[in-house]
């Protein structure tokens, strides 16, 4: 569901907690700034180890280094 609001800014733009919660945005955020546009996104997940640690309950109780999927991580977002 899309909610649209028009605001007039006279100084700093402030978004209240209720507005952020409605958008599913919580504690840590990323801002993408382009001419004429500012996008607010949830913070990107950390490296592959952090993602695996968050999934550890699904895959077993071992931490990320215990898993070996044979994936070599190259540059940003690149798996070989």
PDB file of N, CA and C in Angstrom:
ATOM      1  N   UNK A   1       0.841  -1.167   0.000  1.00  0.00           N
ATOM      2  CA  UNK A   1       0.000   0.000   0.000  1.00  0.00           C
ATOM      3  C   UNK A   1       0.897   1.244   0.000  1.00  0.00           C
ATOM      4  N   UNK A   2       0.598   2.171  -0.863  1.00  0.00           N
ATOM      5  CA  UNK A   2       1.391   3.391  -0.989  1.00  0.00           C
ATOM      6  C   UNK A   2       0.678   4.528  -0.284  1.00  0.00           C
ATOM      7  N   UNK A   3       1.425   5.220   0.573  1.00  0.00           N
ATOM      8  CA  UNK A   3       0.910   6.425   1.222  1.00  0.00           C
ATOM      9  C   UNK A   3       1.687   7.600   0.647  1.00  0.00           C
ATOM     10  N   UNK A   4       0.999   8.607   0.203  1.00  0.00           N
ATOM     11  CA  UNK A   4       1.669   9.787  -0.330  1.00  0.00           C
ATOM     12  C   UNK A   4       1.362  10.972   0.556  1.00  0.00           C
ATOM     13  N   UNK A   5       2.405  11.720   0.879  1.00  0.00           N
ATOM     14  CA  UNK A   5       2.247  12.927   1.695  1.00  0.00           C
ATOM     15  C   UNK A   5       3.015  14.056   1.029  1.00  0.00           C
ATOM     16  N   UNK A   6       2.459  15.231   1.047  1.00  0.00           N
ATOM     17  CA  UNK A   6       3.155  16.413   0.566  1.00  0.00           C
ATOM     18  C   UNK A   6       3.566  17.223   1.782  1.00  0.00           C
ATOM     19  N   UNK A   7       4.838  17.604   1.824  1.00  0.00           N
ATOM     20  CA  UNK A   7       5.333  18.372   2.961  1.00  0.00           C
ATOM     21  C   UNK A   7       6.033  19.625   2.454  1.00  0.00           C
ATOM     22  N   UNK A   8       6.052  20.637   3.288  1.00  0.00           N
ATOM     23  CA  UNK A   8       6.804  21.859   3.022  1.00  0.00           C
ATOM     24  C   UNK A   8       7.975  21.887   3.976  1.00  0.00           C
ATOM     25  N   UNK A   9       9.172  22.027   3.434  1.00  0.00           N
ATOM     26  CA  UNK A   9      10.376  21.974   4.254  1.00  0.00           C
ATOM     27  C   UNK A   9      10.914  23.386   4.445  1.00  0.00           C
ATOM     28  N   UNK A  10      11.057  23.775   5.699  1.00  0.00           N
ATOM     29  CA  UNK A  10      11.640  25.067   6.056  1.00  0.00           C
ATOM     30  C   UNK A  10      12.805  24.814   7.000  1.00  0.00           C
ATOM     31  N   UNK A  11      13.861  24.229   6.503  1.00  0.00           N
ATOM     32  CA  UNK A  11      14.986  23.849   7.345  1.00  0.00           C
ATOM     33  C   UNK A  11      15.205  22.355   7.209  1.00  0.00           C
ATOM     34  N   UNK A  12      15.377  21.683   8.310  1.00  0.00           N
ATOM     35  CA  UNK A  12      15.636  20.241   8.288  1.00  0.00           C
ATOM     36  C   UNK A  12      14.342  19.467   8.056  1.00  0.00           C
ATOM     37  N   UNK A  13      14.448  18.381   7.320  1.00  0.00           N
ATOM     38  CA  UNK A  13      13.323  17.470   7.124  1.00  0.00           C
ATOM     39  C   UNK A  13      13.428  16.372   8.169  1.00  0.00           C
ATOM     40  N   UNK A  14      12.367  16.167   8.931  1.00  0.00           N
ATOM     41  CA  UNK A  14      12.367  15.170   9.992  1.00  0.00           C
ATOM     42  C   UNK A  14      11.243  14.173   9.742  1.00  0.00           C
ATOM     43  N   UNK A  15      11.580  12.885   9.838  1.00  0.00           N
ATOM     44  CA  UNK A  15      10.574  11.832   9.723  1.00  0.00           C
ATOM     45  C   UNK A  15      10.376  11.220  11.099  1.00  0.00           C
ATOM     46  N   UNK A  16       9.133  11.144  11.537  1.00  0.00           N
ATOM     47  CA  UNK A  16       8.878  10.581  12.864  1.00  0.00           C
ATOM     48  C   UNK A  16       8.940   9.046  12.830  1.00  0.00           C
ATOM     49  N   UNK A  17       9.045   8.445  13.985  1.00  0.00           N
ATOM     50  CA  UNK A  17       9.171   6.990  14.126  1.00  0.00           C
ATOM     51  C   UNK A  17       7.981   6.279  13.496  1.00  0.00           C
ATOM     52  N   UNK A  18       6.770   6.816  13.642  1.00  0.00           N
ATOM     53  CA  UNK A  18       5.569   6.188  13.088  1.00  0.00           C
ATOM     54  C   UNK A  18       5.683   6.070  11.572  1.00  0.00           C
ATOM     55  N   UNK A  19       6.156   7.114  10.920  1.00  0.00           N
ATOM     56  CA  UNK A  19       6.318   7.097   9.474  1.00  0.00           C
ATOM     57  C   UNK A  19       7.342   6.058   9.052  1.00  0.00           C
ATOM     58  N   UNK A  20       8.471   5.990   9.756  1.00  0.00           N
ATOM     59  CA  UNK A  20       9.505   5.004   9.435  1.00  0.00           C
ATOM     60  C   UNK A  20       8.993   3.581   9.668  1.00  0.00           C
ATOM     61  N   UNK A  21       8.243   3.378  10.746  1.00  0.00           N
ATOM     62  CA  UNK A  21       7.685   2.057  11.031  1.00  0.00           C
ATOM     63  C   UNK A  21       6.693   1.623   9.947  1.00  0.00           C
ATOM     64  N   UNK A  22       5.871   2.563   9.462  1.00  0.00           N
ATOM     65  CA  UNK A  22       4.923   2.253   8.391  1.00  0.00           C
ATOM     66  C   UNK A  22       5.649   1.761   7.144  1.00  0.00           C
ATOM     67  N   UNK A  23       6.842   2.288   6.921  1.00  0.00           N
ATOM     68  CA  UNK A  23       7.639   1.909   5.751  1.00  0.00           C
ATOM     69  C   UNK A  23       8.490   0.670   6.007  1.00  0.00           C
ATOM     70  N   UNK A  24       8.450   0.133   7.217  1.00  0.00           N
ATOM     71  CA  UNK A  24       9.266  -1.033   7.543  1.00  0.00           C
ATOM     72  C   UNK A  24      10.739  -0.693   7.704  1.00  0.00           C
ATOM     73  N   UNK A  25      11.024   0.565   7.994  1.00  0.00           N
ATOM     74  CA  UNK A  25      12.402   1.012   8.197  1.00  0.00           C
ATOM     75  C   UNK A  25      12.661   1.123   9.681  1.00  0.00           C
ATOM     76  N   UNK A  26      13.718   0.496  10.124  1.00  0.00           N
ATOM     77  CA  UNK A  26      13.979   0.464  11.556  1.00  0.00           C
ATOM     78  C   UNK A  26      15.276   1.181  11.900  1.00  0.00           C
ATOM     79  N   UNK A  27      16.040   0.680  12.789  1.00  0.00           N
ATOM     80  CA  UNK A  27      17.133   1.397  13.429  1.00  0.00           C
ATOM     81  C   UNK A  27      18.212   1.940  12.492  1.00  0.00           C
ATOM     82  N   UNK A  28      18.819   1.108  11.673  1.00  0.00           N
ATOM     83  CA  UNK A  28      19.933   1.545  10.820  1.00  0.00           C
ATOM     84  C   UNK A  28      19.455   1.666   9.379  1.00  0.00           C
ATOM     85  N   UNK A  29      19.752   2.799   8.745  1.00  0.00           N
ATOM     86  CA  UNK A  29      19.264   3.092   7.411  1.00  0.00           C
ATOM     87  C   UNK A  29      20.394   3.505   6.479  1.00  0.00           C
ATOM     88  N   UNK A  30      20.151   3.368   5.177  1.00  0.00           N
ATOM     89  CA  UNK A  30      21.057   3.873   4.146  1.00  0.00           C
ATOM     90  C   UNK A  30      20.320   4.954   3.376  1.00  0.00           C
ATOM     91  N   UNK A  31      21.015   5.999   2.994  1.00  0.00           N
ATOM     92  CA  UNK A  31      20.447   7.041   2.149  1.00  0.00           C
ATOM     93  C   UNK A  31      21.138   6.986   0.794  1.00  0.00           C
ATOM     94  N   UNK A  32      20.367   6.898  -0.281  1.00  0.00           N
ATOM     95  CA  UNK A  32      20.891   6.990  -1.636  1.00  0.00           C
ATOM     96  C   UNK A  32      20.474   8.355  -2.166  1.00  0.00           C
ATOM     97  N   UNK A  33      21.439   9.183  -2.483  1.00  0.00           N
ATOM     98  CA  UNK A  33      21.164  10.572  -2.851  1.00  0.00           C
ATOM     99  C   UNK A  33      21.539  10.782  -4.311  1.00  0.00           C
ATOM    100  N   UNK A  34      20.568  11.213  -5.093  1.00  0.00           N
ATOM    101  CA  UNK A  34      20.756  11.540  -6.501  1.00  0.00           C
ATOM    102  C   UNK A  34      20.078  12.873  -6.754  1.00  0.00           C
ATOM    103  N   UNK A  35      20.412  13.554  -7.843  1.00  0.00           N
ATOM    104  CA  UNK A  35      19.732  14.823  -8.133  1.00  0.00           C
ATOM    105  C   UNK A  35      18.211  14.625  -8.193  1.00  0.00           C
ATOM    106  N   UNK A  36      17.492  15.353  -7.380  1.00  0.00           N
ATOM    107  CA  UNK A  36      16.034  15.290  -7.359  1.00  0.00           C
ATOM    108  C   UNK A  36      15.441  14.109  -6.624  1.00  0.00           C
ATOM    109  N   UNK A  37      16.267  13.294  -5.965  1.00  0.00           N
ATOM    110  CA  UNK A  37      15.735  12.103  -5.310  1.00  0.00           C
ATOM    111  C   UNK A  37      16.613  11.701  -4.122  1.00  0.00           C
ATOM    112  N   UNK A  38      15.958  11.345  -3.027  1.00  0.00           N
ATOM    113  CA  UNK A  38      16.629  10.741  -1.875  1.00  0.00           C
ATOM    114  C   UNK A  38      15.849   9.474  -1.537  1.00  0.00           C
ATOM    115  N   UNK A  39      16.534   8.340  -1.556  1.00  0.00           N
ATOM    116  CA  UNK A  39      15.899   7.073  -1.209  1.00  0.00           C
ATOM    117  C   UNK A  39      16.408   6.636   0.152  1.00  0.00           C
ATOM    118  N   UNK A  40      15.492   6.180   1.004  1.00  0.00           N
ATOM    119  CA  UNK A  40      15.835   5.682   2.331  1.00  0.00           C
ATOM    120  C   UNK A  40      15.592   4.185   2.327  1.00  0.00           C
ATOM    121  N   UNK A  41      16.646   3.423   2.613  1.00  0.00           N
ATOM    122  CA  UNK A  41      16.572   1.964   2.575  1.00  0.00           C
ATOM    123  C   UNK A  41      17.093   1.387   3.879  1.00  0.00           C
ATOM    124  N   UNK A  42      16.672   0.169   4.218  1.00  0.00           N
ATOM    125  CA  UNK A  42      17.267  -0.466   5.389  1.00  0.00           C
ATOM    126  C   UNK A  42      18.755  -0.697   5.130  1.00  0.00           C
ATOM    127  N   UNK A  43      19.529  -0.734   6.192  1.00  0.00           N
ATOM    128  CA  UNK A  43      20.958  -0.965   6.043  1.00  0.00           C
ATOM    129  C   UNK A  43      21.182  -2.304   5.355  1.00  0.00           C
ATOM    130  N   UNK A  44      22.121  -2.320   4.421  1.00  0.00           N
ATOM    131  CA  UNK A  44      22.441  -3.560   3.710  1.00  0.00           C
ATOM    132  C   UNK A  44      23.056  -4.550   4.685  1.00  0.00           C
ATOM    133  N   UNK A  45      22.795  -5.836   4.470  1.00  0.00           N
ATOM    134  CA  UNK A  45      23.417  -6.825   5.351  1.00  0.00           C
ATOM    135  C   UNK A  45      24.936  -6.756   5.228  1.00  0.00           C
ATOM    136  N   UNK A  46      25.614  -7.238   6.254  1.00  0.00           N
ATOM    137  CA  UNK A  46      27.068  -7.236   6.255  1.00  0.00           C
ATOM    138  C   UNK A  46      27.615  -8.236   5.250  1.00  0.00           C
ATOM    139  N   UNK A  47      28.802  -8.662   5.464  1.00  0.00           N
ATOM    140  CA  UNK A  47      29.450  -9.592   4.570  1.00  0.00           C
ATOM    141  C   UNK A  47      28.794 -10.956   4.578  1.00  0.00           C
ATOM    142  N   UNK A  48      29.302 -11.872   3.761  1.00  0.00           N
ATOM    143  CA  UNK A  48      28.693 -13.197   3.669  1.00  0.00           C
ATOM    144  C   UNK A  48      28.685 -13.952   4.985  1.00  0.00           C
ATOM    145  N   UNK A  49      29.696 -13.729   5.832  1.00  0.00           N
ATOM    146  CA  UNK A  49      29.723 -14.414   7.121  1.00  0.00           C
ATOM    147  C   UNK A  49      28.566 -13.980   8.007  1.00  0.00           C
ATOM    148  N   UNK A  50      28.258 -12.687   7.984  1.00  0.00           N
ATOM    149  CA  UNK A  50      27.152 -12.190   8.809  1.00  0.00           C
ATOM    150  C   UNK A  50      25.823 -12.768   8.320  1.00  0.00           C
ATOM    151  N   UNK A  51      25.650 -12.853   7.018  1.00  0.00           N
ATOM    152  CA  UNK A  51      24.418 -13.432   6.476  1.00  0.00           C
ATOM    153  C   UNK A  51      24.309 -14.900   6.867  1.00  0.00           C
ATOM    154  N   UNK A  52      25.414 -15.650   6.755  1.00  0.00           N
ATOM    155  CA  UNK A  52      25.383 -17.054   7.141  1.00  0.00           C
ATOM    156  C   UNK A  52      25.107 -17.220   8.631  1.00  0.00           C
ATOM    157  N   UNK A  53      25.696 -16.356   9.458  1.00  0.00           N
ATOM    158  CA  UNK A  53      25.437 -16.431  10.894  1.00  0.00           C
ATOM    159  C   UNK A  53      23.957 -16.201  11.197  1.00  0.00           C
ATOM    160  N   UNK A  54      23.316 -15.291  10.460  1.00  0.00           N
ATOM    161  CA  UNK A  54      21.893 -15.055  10.702  1.00  0.00           C
ATOM    162  C   UNK A  54      21.050 -16.250  10.274  1.00  0.00           C
ATOM    163  N   UNK A  55      21.565 -17.063   9.349  1.00  0.00           N
ATOM    164  CA  UNK A  55      20.854 -18.254   8.888  1.00  0.00           C
ATOM    165  C   UNK A  55      21.279 -19.516   9.625  1.00  0.00           C
ATOM    166  N   UNK A  56      22.189 -19.403  10.595  1.00  0.00           N
ATOM    167  CA  UNK A  56      22.766 -20.576  11.257  1.00  0.00           C
ATOM    168  C   UNK A  56      21.696 -21.485  11.855  1.00  0.00           C
ATOM    169  N   UNK A  57      20.617 -20.938  12.378  1.00  0.00           N
ATOM    170  CA  UNK A  57      19.557 -21.766  12.942  1.00  0.00           C
ATOM    171  C   UNK A  57      18.894 -22.651  11.903  1.00  0.00           C
ATOM    172  N   UNK A  58      18.865 -22.185  10.651  1.00  0.00           N
ATOM    173  CA  UNK A  58      18.266 -22.972   9.572  1.00  0.00           C
ATOM    174  C   UNK A  58      19.194 -24.087   9.104  1.00  0.00           C
ATOM    175  N   UNK A  59      20.496 -23.815   9.144  1.00  0.00           N
ATOM    176  CA  UNK A  59      21.470 -24.757   8.600  1.00  0.00           C
ATOM    177  C   UNK A  59      22.111 -25.624   9.670  1.00  0.00           C
ATOM    178  N   UNK A  60      21.841 -25.369  10.911  1.00  0.00           N
ATOM    179  CA  UNK A  60      22.481 -26.063  12.019  1.00  0.00           C
ATOM    180  C   UNK A  60      22.949 -25.031  13.024  1.00  0.00           C
ATOM    181  N   UNK A  61      23.711 -25.421  13.997  1.00  0.00           N
ATOM    182  CA  UNK A  61      24.125 -24.490  15.041  1.00  0.00           C
ATOM    183  C   UNK A  61      25.548 -23.970  14.854  1.00  0.00           C
ATOM    184  N   UNK A  62      26.228 -24.371  13.818  1.00  0.00           N
ATOM    185  CA  UNK A  62      27.615 -23.940  13.606  1.00  0.00           C
ATOM    186  C   UNK A  62      27.654 -22.498  13.108  1.00  0.00           C
ATOM    187  N   UNK A  63      28.755 -21.813  13.394  1.00  0.00           N
ATOM    188  CA  UNK A  63      28.923 -20.441  12.917  1.00  0.00           C
ATOM    189  C   UNK A  63      29.358 -20.454  11.453  1.00  0.00           C
ATOM    190  N   UNK A  64      29.406 -19.302  10.814  1.00  0.00           N
ATOM    191  CA  UNK A  64      29.687 -19.187   9.391  1.00  0.00           C
ATOM    192  C   UNK A  64      30.971 -19.890   8.945  1.00  0.00           C
ATOM    193  N   UNK A  65      32.088 -19.765   9.658  1.00  0.00           N
ATOM    194  CA  UNK A  65      33.312 -20.419   9.161  1.00  0.00           C
ATOM    195  C   UNK A  65      33.192 -21.945   9.050  1.00  0.00           C
ATOM    196  N   UNK A  66      32.229 -22.548   9.715  1.00  0.00           N
ATOM    197  CA  UNK A  66      32.073 -23.999   9.652  1.00  0.00           C
ATOM    198  C   UNK A  66      31.446 -24.457   8.337  1.00  0.00           C
ATOM    199  N   UNK A  67      30.815 -23.556   7.610  1.00  0.00           N
ATOM    200  CA  UNK A  67      30.183 -23.899   6.342  1.00  0.00           C
ATOM    201  C   UNK A  67      31.174 -23.690   5.207  1.00  0.00           C
ATOM    202  N   UNK A  68      31.222 -24.630   4.288  1.00  0.00           N
ATOM    203  CA  UNK A  68      32.085 -24.495   3.121  1.00  0.00           C
ATOM    204  C   UNK A  68      31.252 -24.843   1.895  1.00  0.00           C
ATOM    205  N   UNK A  69      30.796 -23.815   1.206  1.00  0.00           N
ATOM    206  CA  UNK A  69      29.970 -24.027   0.033  1.00  0.00           C
ATOM    207  C   UNK A  69      30.796 -23.994  -1.253  1.00  0.00           C
ATOM    208  N   UNK A  70      32.109 -23.842  -1.121  1.00  0.00           N
ATOM    209  CA  UNK A  70      32.966 -23.792  -2.290  1.00  0.00           C
ATOM    210  C   UNK A  70      32.807 -22.514  -3.089  1.00  0.00           C
ATOM    211  N   UNK A  71      32.305 -21.463  -2.470  1.00  0.00           N
ATOM    212  CA  UNK A  71      32.109 -20.190  -3.153  1.00  0.00           C
ATOM    213  C   UNK A  71      33.286 -19.283  -2.836  1.00  0.00           C
ATOM    214  N   UNK A  72      33.887 -18.744  -3.870  1.00  0.00           N
ATOM    215  CA  UNK A  72      34.966 -17.779  -3.679  1.00  0.00           C
ATOM    216  C   UNK A  72      34.370 -16.395  -3.876  1.00  0.00           C
ATOM    217  N   UNK A  73      34.564 -15.533  -2.892  1.00  0.00           N
ATOM    218  CA  UNK A  73      34.036 -14.183  -2.977  1.00  0.00           C
ATOM    219  C   UNK A  73      35.100 -13.297  -3.605  1.00  0.00           C
ATOM    220  N   UNK A  74      34.736 -12.652  -4.702  1.00  0.00           N
ATOM    221  CA  UNK A  74      35.650 -11.730  -5.385  1.00  0.00           C
ATOM    222  C   UNK A  74      35.381 -10.329  -4.903  1.00  0.00           C
ATOM    223  N   UNK A  75      34.993  -9.471  -5.819  1.00  0.00           N
ATOM    224  CA  UNK A  75      34.679  -8.087  -5.489  1.00  0.00           C
ATOM    225  C   UNK A  75      33.319  -7.979  -4.853  1.00  0.00           C
ATOM    226  N   UNK A  76      32.832  -6.766  -4.761  1.00  0.00           N
ATOM    227  CA  UNK A  76      31.543  -6.479  -4.152  1.00  0.00           C
ATOM    228  C   UNK A  76      30.429  -7.213  -4.901  1.00  0.00           C
ATOM    229  N   UNK A  77      29.636  -8.007  -4.202  1.00  0.00           N
ATOM    230  CA  UNK A  77      28.489  -8.752  -4.755  1.00  0.00           C
ATOM    231  C   UNK A  77      28.907  -9.736  -5.844  1.00  0.00           C
ATOM    232  N   UNK A  78      30.074 -10.250  -5.782  1.00  0.00           N
ATOM    233  CA  UNK A  78      30.542 -11.151  -6.823  1.00  0.00           C
ATOM    234  C   UNK A  78      30.906 -12.498  -6.242  1.00  0.00           C
ATOM    235  N   UNK A  79      30.286 -13.538  -6.715  1.00  0.00           N
ATOM    236  CA  UNK A  79      30.659 -14.897  -6.316  1.00  0.00           C
ATOM    237  C   UNK A  79      31.210 -15.608  -7.543  1.00  0.00           C
ATOM    238  N   UNK A  80      32.234 -16.390  -7.349  1.00  0.00           N
ATOM    239  CA  UNK A  80      32.831 -17.106  -8.477  1.00  0.00           C
ATOM    240  C   UNK A  80      32.647 -18.593  -8.296  1.00  0.00           C
TER     241      UNK A  80
END
